Amino acid sequence: SGSVSVPHPELICVLDQDRELPDVANLYLAAEQLLPDTPADELRALLAKFGLGREDVDKGLDVLSWGERTRFALAVMTVTPSRLLVVDEPTNHLDLMAVEQVETALNNYSGALLLVTHDRELQRGLTFTRHWEVDSSGAIHELSDA
């Protein structure tokens, strides 16, 4: 039991397992809605950096693969001011190149990161200042090899 106080919820970015997107016609419009102050050329460059090129920006959101949804969400998260990222299973349904992009993005993040993952390779590829593991009984252990 206990309580949680969040003084600035606008500074928390969440990547949940649902990968929900805005209700708009295509990927570019979703980026525009989520990052309204970002110039068009910067939006396109950001999406391309995450493997979402010209052929992807006009796609309807209902046809995006899970990997495309994840890469899009991570692209938006990397340029959204935040102090905490809550990331739930970010590498599910991703190819190796996308997993490497996730790892790079998370390693470059300078705020607090709450990562939930079963991906041992991702865990080994990230640098943490504190690292806890929850075992099958629900017990929490702080690991010293962080």
N, C-alpha and C. Protein backbone atom coordinates (compact mmCIF):
# COMPACT_ATOMS: atom_id res chain seq x y z
N SER A 1 0.85 -1.18 0.00
CA SER A 1 0.00 0.00 0.00
C SER A 1 0.88 1.23 0.00
N GLY A 2 0.30 2.36 -0.25
CA GLY A 2 1.04 3.61 -0.28
C GLY A 2 0.36 4.59 -1.20
N SER A 3 1.07 5.64 -1.49
CA SER A 3 0.51 6.66 -2.39
C SER A 3 1.62 7.16 -3.31
N VAL A 4 1.19 7.72 -4.42
CA VAL A 4 2.11 8.28 -5.40
C VAL A 4 1.68 9.70 -5.66
N SER A 5 2.62 10.60 -5.64
CA SER A 5 2.35 12.01 -5.95
C SER A 5 3.06 12.35 -7.25
N VAL A 6 2.34 12.91 -8.19
CA VAL A 6 2.93 13.28 -9.48
C VAL A 6 2.70 14.77 -9.68
N PRO A 7 3.70 15.59 -9.32
CA PRO A 7 3.50 17.04 -9.38
C PRO A 7 3.37 17.59 -10.80
N HIS A 8 3.98 16.95 -11.79
CA HIS A 8 3.93 17.43 -13.17
C HIS A 8 3.66 16.27 -14.13
N PRO A 9 2.41 15.79 -14.19
CA PRO A 9 2.12 14.63 -15.06
C PRO A 9 2.41 14.89 -16.53
N GLU A 10 2.45 16.14 -16.95
CA GLU A 10 2.74 16.46 -18.34
C GLU A 10 4.19 16.14 -18.70
N LEU A 11 5.03 15.87 -17.70
CA LEU A 11 6.43 15.55 -17.94
C LEU A 11 6.68 14.04 -17.92
N ILE A 12 5.61 13.27 -18.04
CA ILE A 12 5.72 11.81 -18.08
C ILE A 12 5.25 11.34 -19.47
N CYS A 13 6.09 10.56 -20.13
CA CYS A 13 5.72 9.94 -21.41
C CYS A 13 5.54 8.46 -21.17
N VAL A 14 4.48 7.90 -21.75
CA VAL A 14 4.17 6.49 -21.54
C VAL A 14 4.08 5.78 -22.89
N LEU A 15 4.79 4.67 -22.98
CA LEU A 15 4.65 3.77 -24.12
C LEU A 15 4.05 2.49 -23.56
N ASP A 16 2.73 2.37 -23.71
CA ASP A 16 2.07 1.19 -23.17
C ASP A 16 1.97 0.10 -24.23
N GLN A 17 1.44 -1.04 -23.87
CA GLN A 17 1.36 -2.15 -24.82
C GLN A 17 0.29 -1.95 -25.88
N ASP A 18 -0.62 -1.01 -25.69
CA ASP A 18 -1.68 -0.79 -26.67
C ASP A 18 -1.20 -0.01 -27.88
N ARG A 19 -0.18 0.81 -27.72
CA ARG A 19 0.37 1.64 -28.81
C ARG A 19 -0.73 2.47 -29.48
N GLU A 20 -1.57 3.08 -28.67
CA GLU A 20 -2.68 3.87 -29.21
C GLU A 20 -2.17 5.10 -29.95
N LEU A 21 -2.88 5.44 -31.02
CA LEU A 21 -2.52 6.58 -31.85
C LEU A 21 -3.71 7.52 -31.96
N PRO A 22 -3.45 8.79 -32.31
CA PRO A 22 -4.58 9.74 -32.47
C PRO A 22 -5.54 9.27 -33.55
N ASP A 23 -6.75 9.77 -33.51
CA ASP A 23 -7.78 9.41 -34.49
C ASP A 23 -7.69 10.35 -35.68
N VAL A 24 -6.71 10.09 -36.54
CA VAL A 24 -6.50 10.89 -37.75
C VAL A 24 -6.30 9.94 -38.93
N ALA A 25 -6.21 10.51 -40.14
CA ALA A 25 -6.19 9.70 -41.35
C ALA A 25 -4.88 8.97 -41.63
N ASN A 26 -3.73 9.56 -41.24
CA ASN A 26 -2.47 8.92 -41.60
C ASN A 26 -1.37 9.23 -40.58
N LEU A 27 -0.25 8.60 -40.78
CA LEU A 27 0.88 8.71 -39.84
C LEU A 27 1.40 10.14 -39.74
N TYR A 28 1.51 10.82 -40.87
CA TYR A 28 2.02 12.20 -40.84
C TYR A 28 1.09 13.10 -40.03
N LEU A 29 -0.21 12.97 -40.22
CA LEU A 29 -1.16 13.79 -39.47
C LEU A 29 -1.11 13.49 -37.98
N ALA A 30 -0.84 12.24 -37.64
CA ALA A 30 -0.68 11.87 -36.22
C ALA A 30 0.54 12.58 -35.65
N ALA A 31 1.64 12.58 -36.39
CA ALA A 31 2.85 13.27 -35.93
C ALA A 31 2.59 14.77 -35.78
N GLU A 32 1.90 15.32 -36.74
CA GLU A 32 1.57 16.75 -36.71
C GLU A 32 0.70 17.10 -35.50
N GLN A 33 -0.24 16.23 -35.18
CA GLN A 33 -1.12 16.47 -34.04
C GLN A 33 -0.36 16.37 -32.72
N LEU A 34 0.53 15.38 -32.61
CA LEU A 34 1.26 15.18 -31.36
C LEU A 34 2.41 16.15 -31.18
N LEU A 35 2.95 16.67 -32.27
CA LEU A 35 4.07 17.61 -32.22
C LEU A 35 3.74 18.85 -33.05
N PRO A 36 2.73 19.61 -32.63
CA PRO A 36 2.20 20.70 -33.46
C PRO A 36 3.18 21.84 -33.74
N ASP A 37 4.18 22.02 -32.93
CA ASP A 37 5.13 23.13 -33.12
C ASP A 37 6.37 22.73 -33.91
N THR A 38 6.37 21.51 -34.42
CA THR A 38 7.53 21.00 -35.16
C THR A 38 7.31 21.24 -36.65
N PRO A 39 8.27 21.93 -37.31
CA PRO A 39 8.14 22.17 -38.75
C PRO A 39 8.06 20.86 -39.55
N ALA A 40 7.40 20.92 -40.69
CA ALA A 40 7.15 19.73 -41.52
C ALA A 40 8.44 18.98 -41.87
N ASP A 41 9.49 19.70 -42.25
CA ASP A 41 10.73 19.02 -42.63
C ASP A 41 11.36 18.30 -41.44
N GLU A 42 11.25 18.87 -40.25
CA GLU A 42 11.78 18.22 -39.05
C GLU A 42 10.95 16.99 -38.68
N LEU A 43 9.62 17.09 -38.87
CA LEU A 43 8.76 15.92 -38.61
C LEU A 43 9.14 14.76 -39.51
N ARG A 44 9.30 15.05 -40.79
CA ARG A 44 9.65 14.00 -41.75
C ARG A 44 11.03 13.40 -41.43
N ALA A 45 11.98 14.25 -41.04
CA ALA A 45 13.32 13.77 -40.68
C ALA A 45 13.26 12.89 -39.43
N LEU A 46 12.45 13.30 -38.46
CA LEU A 46 12.31 12.52 -37.24
C LEU A 46 11.72 11.15 -37.55
N LEU A 47 10.66 11.11 -38.34
CA LEU A 47 10.04 9.83 -38.69
C LEU A 47 11.02 8.96 -39.47
N ALA A 48 11.76 9.55 -40.39
CA ALA A 48 12.74 8.79 -41.17
C ALA A 48 13.83 8.21 -40.28
N LYS A 49 14.24 8.96 -39.27
CA LYS A 49 15.26 8.48 -38.32
C LYS A 49 14.82 7.19 -37.64
N PHE A 50 13.51 7.02 -37.50
CA PHE A 50 12.96 5.81 -36.88
C PHE A 50 12.41 4.83 -37.93
N GLY A 51 12.91 4.94 -39.15
CA GLY A 51 12.56 3.97 -40.18
C GLY A 51 11.20 4.15 -40.79
N LEU A 52 10.63 5.34 -40.65
CA LEU A 52 9.31 5.63 -41.22
C LEU A 52 9.49 6.67 -42.32
N GLY A 53 9.67 6.19 -43.55
CA GLY A 53 10.00 7.05 -44.67
C GLY A 53 8.80 7.53 -45.45
N ARG A 54 9.08 8.01 -46.65
CA ARG A 54 8.05 8.59 -47.52
C ARG A 54 6.87 7.66 -47.76
N GLU A 55 7.19 6.38 -47.94
CA GLU A 55 6.11 5.42 -48.23
C GLU A 55 5.24 5.15 -47.01
N ASP A 56 5.71 5.55 -45.82
CA ASP A 56 4.96 5.27 -44.59
C ASP A 56 4.09 6.43 -44.11
N VAL A 57 4.49 7.66 -44.39
CA VAL A 57 3.79 8.81 -43.79
C VAL A 57 2.35 8.96 -44.25
N ASP A 58 2.02 8.42 -45.41
CA ASP A 58 0.64 8.52 -45.90
C ASP A 58 -0.20 7.30 -45.55
N LYS A 59 0.39 6.33 -44.86
CA LYS A 59 -0.36 5.12 -44.48
C LYS A 59 -1.45 5.46 -43.48
N GLY A 60 -2.58 4.79 -43.64
CA GLY A 60 -3.63 4.88 -42.63
C GLY A 60 -3.16 4.20 -41.36
N LEU A 61 -3.54 4.72 -40.23
CA LEU A 61 -3.06 4.18 -38.95
C LEU A 61 -3.55 2.76 -38.72
N ASP A 62 -4.67 2.41 -39.34
CA ASP A 62 -5.22 1.06 -39.14
C ASP A 62 -4.42 -0.02 -39.86
N VAL A 63 -3.51 0.35 -40.76
CA VAL A 63 -2.71 -0.65 -41.46
C VAL A 63 -1.27 -0.72 -40.97
N LEU A 64 -0.93 0.10 -39.97
CA LEU A 64 0.44 0.07 -39.45
C LEU A 64 0.71 -1.22 -38.70
N SER A 65 1.90 -1.75 -38.89
CA SER A 65 2.31 -2.92 -38.12
C SER A 65 2.59 -2.50 -36.69
N TRP A 66 2.72 -3.48 -35.81
CA TRP A 66 3.03 -3.19 -34.41
C TRP A 66 4.39 -2.51 -34.31
N GLY A 67 5.34 -2.96 -35.12
CA GLY A 67 6.67 -2.35 -35.13
C GLY A 67 6.62 -0.91 -35.58
N GLU A 68 5.83 -0.62 -36.61
CA GLU A 68 5.70 0.77 -37.08
C GLU A 68 5.06 1.64 -36.01
N ARG A 69 4.07 1.12 -35.32
CA ARG A 69 3.43 1.87 -34.23
C ARG A 69 4.43 2.17 -33.12
N THR A 70 5.24 1.18 -32.78
CA THR A 70 6.23 1.36 -31.73
C THR A 70 7.28 2.37 -32.14
N ARG A 71 7.79 2.26 -33.36
CA ARG A 71 8.81 3.21 -33.83
C ARG A 71 8.24 4.62 -33.87
N PHE A 72 6.99 4.76 -34.28
CA PHE A 72 6.35 6.08 -34.29
C PHE A 72 6.25 6.64 -32.87
N ALA A 73 5.77 5.83 -31.94
CA ALA A 73 5.63 6.30 -30.56
C ALA A 73 6.98 6.69 -29.97
N LEU A 74 8.01 5.91 -30.24
CA LEU A 74 9.34 6.25 -29.73
C LEU A 74 9.89 7.52 -30.37
N ALA A 75 9.62 7.71 -31.65
CA ALA A 75 10.06 8.94 -32.31
C ALA A 75 9.45 10.15 -31.61
N VAL A 76 8.16 10.09 -31.35
CA VAL A 76 7.47 11.20 -30.68
C VAL A 76 8.03 11.39 -29.27
N MET A 77 8.25 10.29 -28.56
CA MET A 77 8.75 10.38 -27.18
C MET A 77 10.13 11.02 -27.11
N THR A 78 10.97 10.77 -28.11
CA THR A 78 12.34 11.28 -28.04
C THR A 78 12.41 12.80 -28.15
N VAL A 79 11.38 13.42 -28.69
CA VAL A 79 11.40 14.88 -28.83
C VAL A 79 10.37 15.57 -27.94
N THR A 80 9.68 14.80 -27.12
CA THR A 80 8.71 15.37 -26.19
C THR A 80 9.40 15.62 -24.85
N PRO A 81 9.36 16.88 -24.36
CA PRO A 81 10.01 17.15 -23.07
C PRO A 81 9.41 16.28 -21.98
N SER A 82 10.28 15.57 -21.27
CA SER A 82 9.80 14.71 -20.19
C SER A 82 10.92 14.49 -19.19
N ARG A 83 10.51 14.06 -18.01
CA ARG A 83 11.47 13.70 -16.97
C ARG A 83 11.40 12.21 -16.65
N LEU A 84 10.33 11.57 -17.12
CA LEU A 84 10.15 10.15 -16.86
C LEU A 84 9.54 9.49 -18.08
N LEU A 85 10.18 8.39 -18.51
CA LEU A 85 9.60 7.53 -19.55
C LEU A 85 9.14 6.26 -18.87
N VAL A 86 7.91 5.89 -19.12
CA VAL A 86 7.38 4.61 -18.67
C VAL A 86 7.20 3.79 -19.94
N VAL A 87 7.98 2.74 -20.05
CA VAL A 87 8.04 1.98 -21.30
C VAL A 87 7.72 0.51 -21.00
N ASP A 88 6.65 0.01 -21.60
CA ASP A 88 6.17 -1.34 -21.35
C ASP A 88 6.40 -2.21 -22.58
N GLU A 89 7.33 -3.14 -22.48
CA GLU A 89 7.64 -4.10 -23.54
C GLU A 89 7.89 -3.42 -24.89
N PRO A 90 8.90 -2.53 -24.95
CA PRO A 90 9.11 -1.76 -26.17
C PRO A 90 9.60 -2.56 -27.37
N THR A 91 10.17 -3.74 -27.15
CA THR A 91 10.73 -4.49 -28.28
C THR A 91 9.81 -5.58 -28.81
N ASN A 92 8.63 -5.72 -28.24
CA ASN A 92 7.69 -6.72 -28.77
C ASN A 92 7.38 -6.41 -30.23
N HIS A 93 7.41 -7.41 -31.07
CA HIS A 93 7.02 -7.33 -32.48
C HIS A 93 7.97 -6.47 -33.32
N LEU A 94 9.22 -6.29 -32.88
CA LEU A 94 10.16 -5.47 -33.64
C LEU A 94 11.24 -6.33 -34.28
N ASP A 95 11.73 -5.87 -35.44
CA ASP A 95 12.86 -6.53 -36.06
C ASP A 95 14.15 -6.04 -35.39
N LEU A 96 15.26 -6.65 -35.73
CA LEU A 96 16.53 -6.33 -35.08
C LEU A 96 16.92 -4.86 -35.22
N MET A 97 16.74 -4.29 -36.40
CA MET A 97 17.08 -2.89 -36.61
C MET A 97 16.25 -1.98 -35.69
N ALA A 98 14.97 -2.26 -35.57
CA ALA A 98 14.10 -1.46 -34.71
C ALA A 98 14.48 -1.62 -33.24
N VAL A 99 14.85 -2.85 -32.84
CA VAL A 99 15.28 -3.07 -31.46
C VAL A 99 16.51 -2.23 -31.16
N GLU A 100 17.44 -2.17 -32.11
CA GLU A 100 18.64 -1.36 -31.93
C GLU A 100 18.29 0.12 -31.83
N GLN A 101 17.30 0.58 -32.60
CA GLN A 101 16.85 1.97 -32.50
C GLN A 101 16.25 2.24 -31.12
N VAL A 102 15.48 1.31 -30.61
CA VAL A 102 14.90 1.45 -29.27
C VAL A 102 16.02 1.56 -28.23
N GLU A 103 16.97 0.65 -28.33
CA GLU A 103 18.08 0.66 -27.37
C GLU A 103 18.85 1.98 -27.41
N THR A 104 19.14 2.47 -28.60
CA THR A 104 19.84 3.75 -28.74
C THR A 104 19.03 4.89 -28.16
N ALA A 105 17.74 4.93 -28.49
CA ALA A 105 16.88 6.00 -27.97
C ALA A 105 16.81 5.98 -26.45
N LEU A 106 16.67 4.80 -25.86
CA LEU A 106 16.58 4.70 -24.41
C LEU A 106 17.92 5.03 -23.74
N ASN A 107 19.02 4.63 -24.34
CA ASN A 107 20.34 4.97 -23.79
C ASN A 107 20.63 6.46 -23.87
N ASN A 108 20.06 7.14 -24.86
CA ASN A 108 20.29 8.58 -25.01
C ASN A 108 19.36 9.42 -24.15
N TYR A 109 18.36 8.81 -23.56
CA TYR A 109 17.41 9.54 -22.73
C TYR A 109 18.07 9.92 -21.41
N SER A 110 17.92 11.18 -20.99
CA SER A 110 18.63 11.64 -19.80
C SER A 110 17.76 11.69 -18.54
N GLY A 111 16.48 11.41 -18.66
CA GLY A 111 15.61 11.42 -17.48
C GLY A 111 15.51 10.05 -16.85
N ALA A 112 14.52 9.90 -16.00
CA ALA A 112 14.27 8.61 -15.35
C ALA A 112 13.53 7.70 -16.32
N LEU A 113 13.84 6.43 -16.25
CA LEU A 113 13.23 5.43 -17.13
C LEU A 113 12.68 4.29 -16.30
N LEU A 114 11.40 4.03 -16.47
CA LEU A 114 10.79 2.85 -15.86
C LEU A 114 10.51 1.90 -17.02
N LEU A 115 11.29 0.84 -17.10
CA LEU A 115 11.22 -0.09 -18.21
C LEU A 115 10.70 -1.43 -17.73
N VAL A 116 9.67 -1.92 -18.39
CA VAL A 116 9.15 -3.26 -18.13
C VAL A 116 9.45 -4.07 -19.37
N THR A 117 10.27 -5.12 -19.21
CA THR A 117 10.64 -5.92 -20.36
C THR A 117 11.08 -7.31 -19.94
N HIS A 118 10.86 -8.25 -20.84
CA HIS A 118 11.38 -9.60 -20.68
C HIS A 118 12.60 -9.80 -21.58
N ASP A 119 12.94 -8.79 -22.34
CA ASP A 119 14.01 -8.85 -23.33
C ASP A 119 15.37 -8.70 -22.64
N ARG A 120 16.03 -9.82 -22.39
CA ARG A 120 17.32 -9.81 -21.68
C ARG A 120 18.40 -9.09 -22.47
N GLU A 121 18.37 -9.19 -23.79
CA GLU A 121 19.36 -8.49 -24.61
C GLU A 121 19.21 -6.98 -24.46
N LEU A 122 17.98 -6.50 -24.45
CA LEU A 122 17.75 -5.08 -24.24
C LEU A 122 18.24 -4.66 -22.86
N GLN A 123 17.94 -5.45 -21.86
CA GLN A 123 18.39 -5.14 -20.51
C GLN A 123 19.91 -5.02 -20.45
N ARG A 124 20.61 -5.95 -21.11
CA ARG A 124 22.07 -5.91 -21.10
C ARG A 124 22.62 -4.73 -21.89
N GLY A 125 21.87 -4.26 -22.87
CA GLY A 125 22.33 -3.16 -23.72
C GLY A 125 22.11 -1.78 -23.14
N LEU A 126 21.36 -1.70 -22.05
CA LEU A 126 21.06 -0.39 -21.45
C LEU A 126 21.92 -0.15 -20.22
N THR A 127 22.17 1.11 -19.96
CA THR A 127 22.94 1.51 -18.79
C THR A 127 21.98 2.10 -17.77
N PHE A 128 22.01 1.57 -16.55
CA PHE A 128 21.13 2.02 -15.49
C PHE A 128 21.95 2.50 -14.30
N THR A 129 21.39 3.43 -13.53
CA THR A 129 22.01 3.78 -12.26
C THR A 129 21.42 2.94 -11.14
N ARG A 130 20.18 2.49 -11.30
CA ARG A 130 19.55 1.56 -10.36
C ARG A 130 18.75 0.56 -11.18
N HIS A 131 18.72 -0.67 -10.73
CA HIS A 131 18.08 -1.72 -11.51
C HIS A 131 17.40 -2.69 -10.53
N TRP A 132 16.09 -2.82 -10.69
CA TRP A 132 15.34 -3.77 -9.86
C TRP A 132 14.79 -4.87 -10.76
N GLU A 133 14.61 -6.01 -10.16
CA GLU A 133 14.00 -7.12 -10.87
C GLU A 133 12.89 -7.67 -10.00
N VAL A 134 11.76 -7.99 -10.62
CA VAL A 134 10.64 -8.59 -9.92
C VAL A 134 10.63 -10.07 -10.30
N ASP A 135 10.74 -10.94 -9.28
CA ASP A 135 10.76 -12.37 -9.59
C ASP A 135 9.33 -12.92 -9.69
N SER A 136 9.22 -14.21 -9.98
CA SER A 136 7.91 -14.83 -10.22
C SER A 136 6.99 -14.78 -9.00
N SER A 137 7.55 -14.62 -7.81
CA SER A 137 6.71 -14.53 -6.61
C SER A 137 6.25 -13.10 -6.35
N GLY A 138 6.77 -12.15 -7.13
CA GLY A 138 6.41 -10.75 -6.92
C GLY A 138 7.40 -10.01 -6.04
N ALA A 139 8.42 -10.71 -5.56
CA ALA A 139 9.44 -10.06 -4.73
C ALA A 139 10.31 -9.16 -5.60
N ILE A 140 10.71 -8.03 -5.04
CA ILE A 140 11.53 -7.06 -5.76
C ILE A 140 12.96 -7.12 -5.22
N HIS A 141 13.91 -7.23 -6.15
CA HIS A 141 15.32 -7.31 -5.78
C HIS A 141 16.08 -6.20 -6.50
N GLU A 142 16.87 -5.43 -5.75
CA GLU A 142 17.73 -4.46 -6.40
C GLU A 142 19.00 -5.20 -6.82
N LEU A 143 19.37 -5.04 -8.10
CA LEU A 143 20.53 -5.72 -8.62
C LEU A 143 21.74 -4.81 -8.52
N SER A 144 22.86 -5.36 -8.19
CA SER A 144 24.06 -4.56 -8.00
C SER A 144 24.83 -4.34 -9.29
N ASP A 145 24.49 -5.06 -10.34
CA ASP A 145 25.25 -4.95 -11.60
C ASP A 145 24.71 -3.88 -12.53
N ALA A 146 23.94 -2.93 -12.01
CA ALA A 146 23.30 -1.90 -12.83
C ALA A 146 24.28 -1.03 -13.57
